Amino acid sequence: YTEAWDADKKSIHVMPDTPAILLAKANAANVSNKLYVQAWEEAKKKGYDMRADAIPIQSAKASRDIASDYKYKETHEKEKGHYIGCPSAKEDPKLAWAARAMALQNDRLYKKAYHDSKTQIHIPVDALSVQAAKECQTLVSDVDYRQYLHQWTCLPDQNDVIHARQAYDLQSDNVYKSDLEWLRGIGWLTEGSVEVVKAKKAQDLLNDRLYRTRPEQLKFTSIADSPDVVLAKTNAMQLSDV
């Protein structure tokens, strides 16, 4: 009974020109990436056809020439020699005047004649000023003033040498500071030193908590024999039932 119905269920017949089928095909074509780039792929297969006089090529060449430093300075290099108006720089009046002013201001050229004439001065050997200078040099010469008679030699066990060594040891800075060098590097705790004790005393003096004691922390005591206390005790005795 159901065999024909089961066989009919397996065979589905859809008309190819229904609106739903046509809409699905149109949507598939719109979202297909292959169809989207198909024209670009076909253009790539044909290769590039770029002529030498094409507008992009001409624009790239013009940009390269503008950016080129050589092309940028080519006109300036050609017109360099046409600014002065003279065949050479030496014939230009302004440049010649500037060179002359520089030569006048040059200290080396200004003193050249003086330095050349300094070595051409001739003084007679027996001149009075030369003789006086020689005598003055002899008087102030340290070599002639100090004439060492001879070199003294002392034995190492003489009393004078021993005394001198002891005096040198007393005046020696190395011997004087030998104890300090021996103590250098030894560990030392600053607890109990003068500076630490002084700092603690100063901290106690400057401590606001110890300087200003709160009133509630003070222990108040009343005077035992004041009139108020005596009167209060009397009244308490009179009113006491005990």
Protein backbone atom coordinates (compact mmCIF):
# COMPACT_ATOMS: atom_id res chain seq x y z
CA TYR A 1 0.00 0.00 0.00
CA THR A 2 2.78 2.44 0.87
CA GLU A 3 5.35 1.19 -1.67
CA ALA A 4 4.20 3.61 -4.40
CA TRP A 5 4.21 6.52 -1.91
CA ASP A 6 7.73 5.73 -0.71
CA ALA A 7 9.00 5.53 -4.28
CA ASP A 8 7.36 8.86 -5.11
CA LYS A 9 8.93 10.51 -2.06
CA LYS A 10 12.44 9.77 -3.32
CA SER A 11 11.89 11.46 -6.70
CA ILE A 12 11.70 15.28 -6.29
CA HIS A 13 10.92 17.32 -9.36
CA VAL A 14 11.68 21.09 -9.24
CA MET A 15 10.97 23.34 -12.17
CA PRO A 16 14.16 25.20 -13.28
CA ASP A 17 12.37 28.48 -14.08
CA THR A 18 10.64 29.07 -10.77
CA PRO A 19 11.20 32.49 -9.11
CA ALA A 20 12.93 30.93 -6.10
CA ILE A 21 15.41 29.03 -8.30
CA LEU A 22 16.16 32.10 -10.43
CA LEU A 23 16.66 34.23 -7.29
CA ALA A 24 19.03 31.65 -5.79
CA LYS A 25 21.08 31.55 -9.00
CA ALA A 26 21.29 35.36 -9.11
CA ASN A 27 22.41 35.48 -5.45
CA ALA A 28 25.04 32.77 -6.07
CA ALA A 29 26.41 34.78 -9.00
CA ASN A 30 26.54 37.96 -6.88
CA VAL A 31 28.45 36.40 -3.99
CA SER A 32 30.78 34.26 -6.13
CA ASN A 33 34.40 35.38 -5.79
CA LYS A 34 35.37 33.55 -8.95
CA LEU A 35 32.92 35.52 -11.07
CA TYR A 36 33.92 38.72 -9.20
CA VAL A 37 37.58 38.48 -10.28
CA GLN A 38 37.00 36.71 -13.58
CA ALA A 39 37.44 39.88 -15.66
CA TRP A 40 40.66 40.73 -13.78
CA GLU A 41 42.06 37.24 -14.31
CA GLU A 42 41.25 37.40 -18.03
CA ALA A 43 43.00 40.81 -18.26
CA LYS A 44 46.09 39.42 -16.51
CA LYS A 45 46.33 36.56 -18.99
CA LYS A 46 46.48 39.00 -21.91
CA GLY A 47 49.58 40.79 -20.44
CA TYR A 48 50.35 44.51 -20.07
CA ASP A 49 50.17 46.91 -23.02
CA MET A 50 52.00 50.02 -21.78
CA ARG A 51 53.34 52.33 -24.49
CA ALA A 52 56.34 54.60 -23.98
CA ASP A 53 54.24 57.73 -24.55
CA ALA A 54 51.53 56.72 -22.13
CA ILE A 55 50.43 59.31 -19.58
CA PRO A 56 51.53 57.29 -16.48
CA ILE A 57 54.99 56.73 -18.01
CA GLN A 58 55.38 60.42 -18.85
CA SER A 59 54.23 61.40 -15.33
CA ALA A 60 56.72 59.00 -13.70
CA LYS A 61 59.58 60.34 -15.82
CA ALA A 62 58.67 63.93 -15.00
CA SER A 63 58.52 63.12 -11.25
CA ARG A 64 61.90 61.40 -11.43
CA ASP A 65 63.50 64.38 -13.20
CA ILE A 66 62.04 66.79 -10.67
CA ALA A 67 63.27 64.70 -7.72
CA SER A 68 66.71 64.19 -9.24
CA ASP A 69 69.32 66.42 -7.59
CA TYR A 70 71.39 66.56 -10.76
CA LYS A 71 68.52 67.78 -12.91
CA TYR A 72 67.54 70.19 -10.13
CA LYS A 73 70.98 71.85 -10.09
CA GLU A 74 71.79 71.52 -13.80
CA THR A 75 70.58 75.00 -14.71
CA HIS A 76 72.30 76.51 -11.69
CA GLU A 77 75.62 74.90 -12.64
CA LYS A 78 75.34 76.21 -16.21
CA GLU A 79 74.61 79.78 -15.07
CA LYS A 80 77.25 79.93 -12.33
CA GLY A 81 79.81 81.86 -14.38
CA HIS A 82 77.34 84.40 -15.76
CA TYR A 83 76.50 86.16 -12.49
CA ILE A 84 79.65 88.33 -12.17
CA GLY A 85 79.76 89.86 -15.62
CA CYS A 86 83.58 89.58 -15.78
CA PRO A 87 85.84 87.05 -17.50
CA SER A 88 87.41 86.05 -14.15
CA ALA A 89 87.00 86.71 -10.48
CA LYS A 90 90.26 88.75 -10.33
CA GLU A 91 88.89 91.38 -12.73
CA ASP A 92 85.74 91.96 -10.69
CA PRO A 93 86.14 95.28 -8.78
CA LYS A 94 84.16 94.12 -5.75
CA LEU A 95 86.08 90.86 -5.39
CA ALA A 96 89.40 92.64 -5.85
CA TRP A 97 88.45 95.22 -3.23
CA ALA A 98 87.39 92.44 -0.80
CA ALA A 99 90.70 90.61 -1.34
CA ARG A 100 92.62 93.84 -0.71
CA ALA A 101 90.66 94.54 2.48
CA MET A 102 91.29 90.99 3.70
CA ALA A 103 95.02 91.38 3.01
CA LEU A 104 95.08 94.66 4.97
CA GLN A 105 93.33 93.02 7.91
CA ASN A 106 95.59 89.96 7.92
CA ASP A 107 97.90 90.18 10.93
CA ARG A 108 100.49 87.86 9.44
CA LEU A 109 100.98 89.99 6.33
CA TYR A 110 100.91 93.13 8.47
CA LYS A 111 103.85 91.93 10.61
CA LYS A 112 105.77 90.20 7.83
CA ALA A 113 108.20 93.10 7.25
CA TYR A 114 108.78 93.45 10.99
CA HIS A 115 109.60 89.75 11.42
CA ASP A 116 111.94 89.85 8.43
CA SER A 117 113.84 92.82 9.85
CA LYS A 118 114.12 91.40 13.38
CA THR A 119 116.93 89.02 12.46
CA GLN A 120 118.98 91.72 10.73
CA ILE A 121 119.94 93.60 13.91
CA HIS A 122 123.72 93.66 14.58
CA ILE A 123 125.05 94.70 17.99
CA PRO A 124 128.81 95.07 18.63
CA VAL A 125 130.24 92.55 21.06
CA ASP A 126 132.00 95.21 23.14
CA ALA A 127 129.00 97.46 23.47
CA LEU A 128 128.38 98.96 26.90
CA SER A 129 124.88 97.50 27.21
CA VAL A 130 126.12 94.02 26.29
CA GLN A 131 128.91 94.16 28.90
CA ALA A 132 126.44 95.32 31.57
CA ALA A 133 124.05 92.52 30.70
CA LYS A 134 126.83 89.94 30.96
CA GLU A 135 127.89 91.23 34.37
CA CYS A 136 124.28 91.24 35.58
CA GLN A 137 123.83 87.69 34.34
CA THR A 138 126.93 86.62 36.23
CA LEU A 139 125.65 88.21 39.43
CA VAL A 140 122.22 86.60 39.27
CA SER A 141 123.48 83.24 38.04
CA ASP A 142 122.60 80.43 40.45
CA VAL A 143 125.46 78.27 39.17
CA ASP A 144 128.15 80.73 40.25
CA TYR A 145 126.32 81.69 43.45
CA ARG A 146 126.13 78.15 44.77
CA GLN A 147 129.52 76.44 44.74
CA TYR A 148 129.37 72.96 46.18
CA LEU A 149 132.65 72.13 47.89
CA HIS A 150 132.37 68.38 47.93
CA GLN A 151 129.92 65.54 48.58
CA TRP A 152 129.67 64.37 52.17
CA THR A 153 129.51 60.65 52.95
CA CYS A 154 128.14 59.36 56.24
CA LEU A 155 128.17 55.89 57.74
CA PRO A 156 124.74 54.36 58.39
CA ASP A 157 125.49 53.69 62.06
CA GLN A 158 126.50 57.24 63.01
CA ASN A 159 124.54 59.04 65.70
CA ASP A 160 123.68 61.94 63.39
CA VAL A 161 122.23 59.58 60.78
CA ILE A 162 120.25 57.64 63.36
CA HIS A 163 118.90 60.88 64.86
CA ALA A 164 117.98 62.17 61.41
CA ARG A 165 116.10 58.95 60.61
CA GLN A 166 114.15 59.21 63.84
CA ALA A 167 113.27 62.83 63.06
CA TYR A 168 112.15 61.82 59.56
CA ASP A 169 109.96 59.07 61.01
CA LEU A 170 108.38 61.56 63.43
CA GLN A 171 107.66 63.97 60.56
CA SER A 172 106.63 61.25 58.12
CA ASP A 173 102.99 61.37 57.10
CA ASN A 174 102.95 57.64 56.32
CA VAL A 175 104.09 56.69 59.83
CA TYR A 176 101.68 59.23 61.34
CA LYS A 177 98.73 57.70 59.50
CA SER A 178 99.76 54.06 59.80
CA ASP A 179 97.20 53.38 62.57
CA LEU A 180 94.48 54.95 60.44
CA GLU A 181 95.45 52.79 57.47
CA TRP A 182 95.37 49.71 59.69
CA LEU A 183 91.90 50.59 61.01
CA ARG A 184 90.52 51.41 57.56
CA GLY A 185 88.04 48.81 56.39
CA ILE A 186 87.29 47.39 59.86
CA GLY A 187 83.56 47.16 60.57
CA TRP A 188 82.15 49.46 63.25
CA LEU A 189 78.65 49.82 64.64
CA THR A 190 77.54 53.39 65.18
CA GLU A 191 75.30 52.44 68.13
CA GLY A 192 76.54 54.32 71.19
CA SER A 193 78.67 56.81 69.30
CA VAL A 194 78.58 60.50 70.11
CA GLU A 195 76.70 61.42 66.95
CA VAL A 196 74.02 58.76 67.48
CA VAL A 197 73.48 59.75 71.13
CA LYS A 198 73.29 63.41 70.16
CA ALA A 199 70.74 62.59 67.45
CA LYS A 200 68.60 60.63 69.93
CA LYS A 201 68.68 63.49 72.45
CA ALA A 202 67.70 65.96 69.74
CA GLN A 203 64.87 63.65 68.62
CA ASP A 204 63.54 63.45 72.19
CA LEU A 205 63.68 67.24 72.52
CA LEU A 206 61.86 67.74 69.21
CA ASN A 207 59.30 64.99 69.83
CA ASP A 208 55.88 66.63 69.85
CA ARG A 209 54.26 63.66 71.61
CA LEU A 210 56.54 63.98 74.66
CA TYR A 211 56.49 67.78 74.65
CA ARG A 212 52.71 68.11 74.57
CA THR A 213 51.06 65.67 76.99
CA ARG A 214 47.32 65.28 76.59
CA PRO A 215 45.23 66.41 79.58
CA GLU A 216 43.38 63.11 79.80
CA GLN A 217 46.67 61.31 80.33
CA LEU A 218 47.56 63.35 83.42
CA LYS A 219 46.64 61.95 86.86
CA PHE A 220 44.76 64.61 88.79
CA THR A 221 44.82 64.42 92.61
CA SER A 222 42.81 66.62 94.93
CA ILE A 223 44.18 68.29 98.04
CA ALA A 224 43.16 66.33 101.13
CA ASP A 225 42.68 69.30 103.49
CA SER A 226 40.98 71.81 101.24
CA PRO A 227 37.75 73.40 102.55
CA ASP A 228 35.64 71.82 99.84
CA VAL A 229 36.96 68.34 100.62
CA VAL A 230 36.49 68.82 104.37
CA LEU A 231 32.93 70.09 103.88
CA ALA A 232 32.13 67.20 101.55
CA LYS A 233 33.43 64.66 104.09
CA THR A 234 31.38 66.28 106.92
CA ASN A 235 28.21 66.24 104.88
CA ALA A 236 28.84 62.65 103.92
CA MET A 237 29.26 61.68 107.62
CA GLN A 238 26.07 63.51 108.59
CA LEU A 239 24.01 61.95 105.85
CA SER A 240 25.46 58.46 106.27
CA ASP A 241 23.08 55.93 107.69
CA VAL A 242 25.94 53.79 108.94
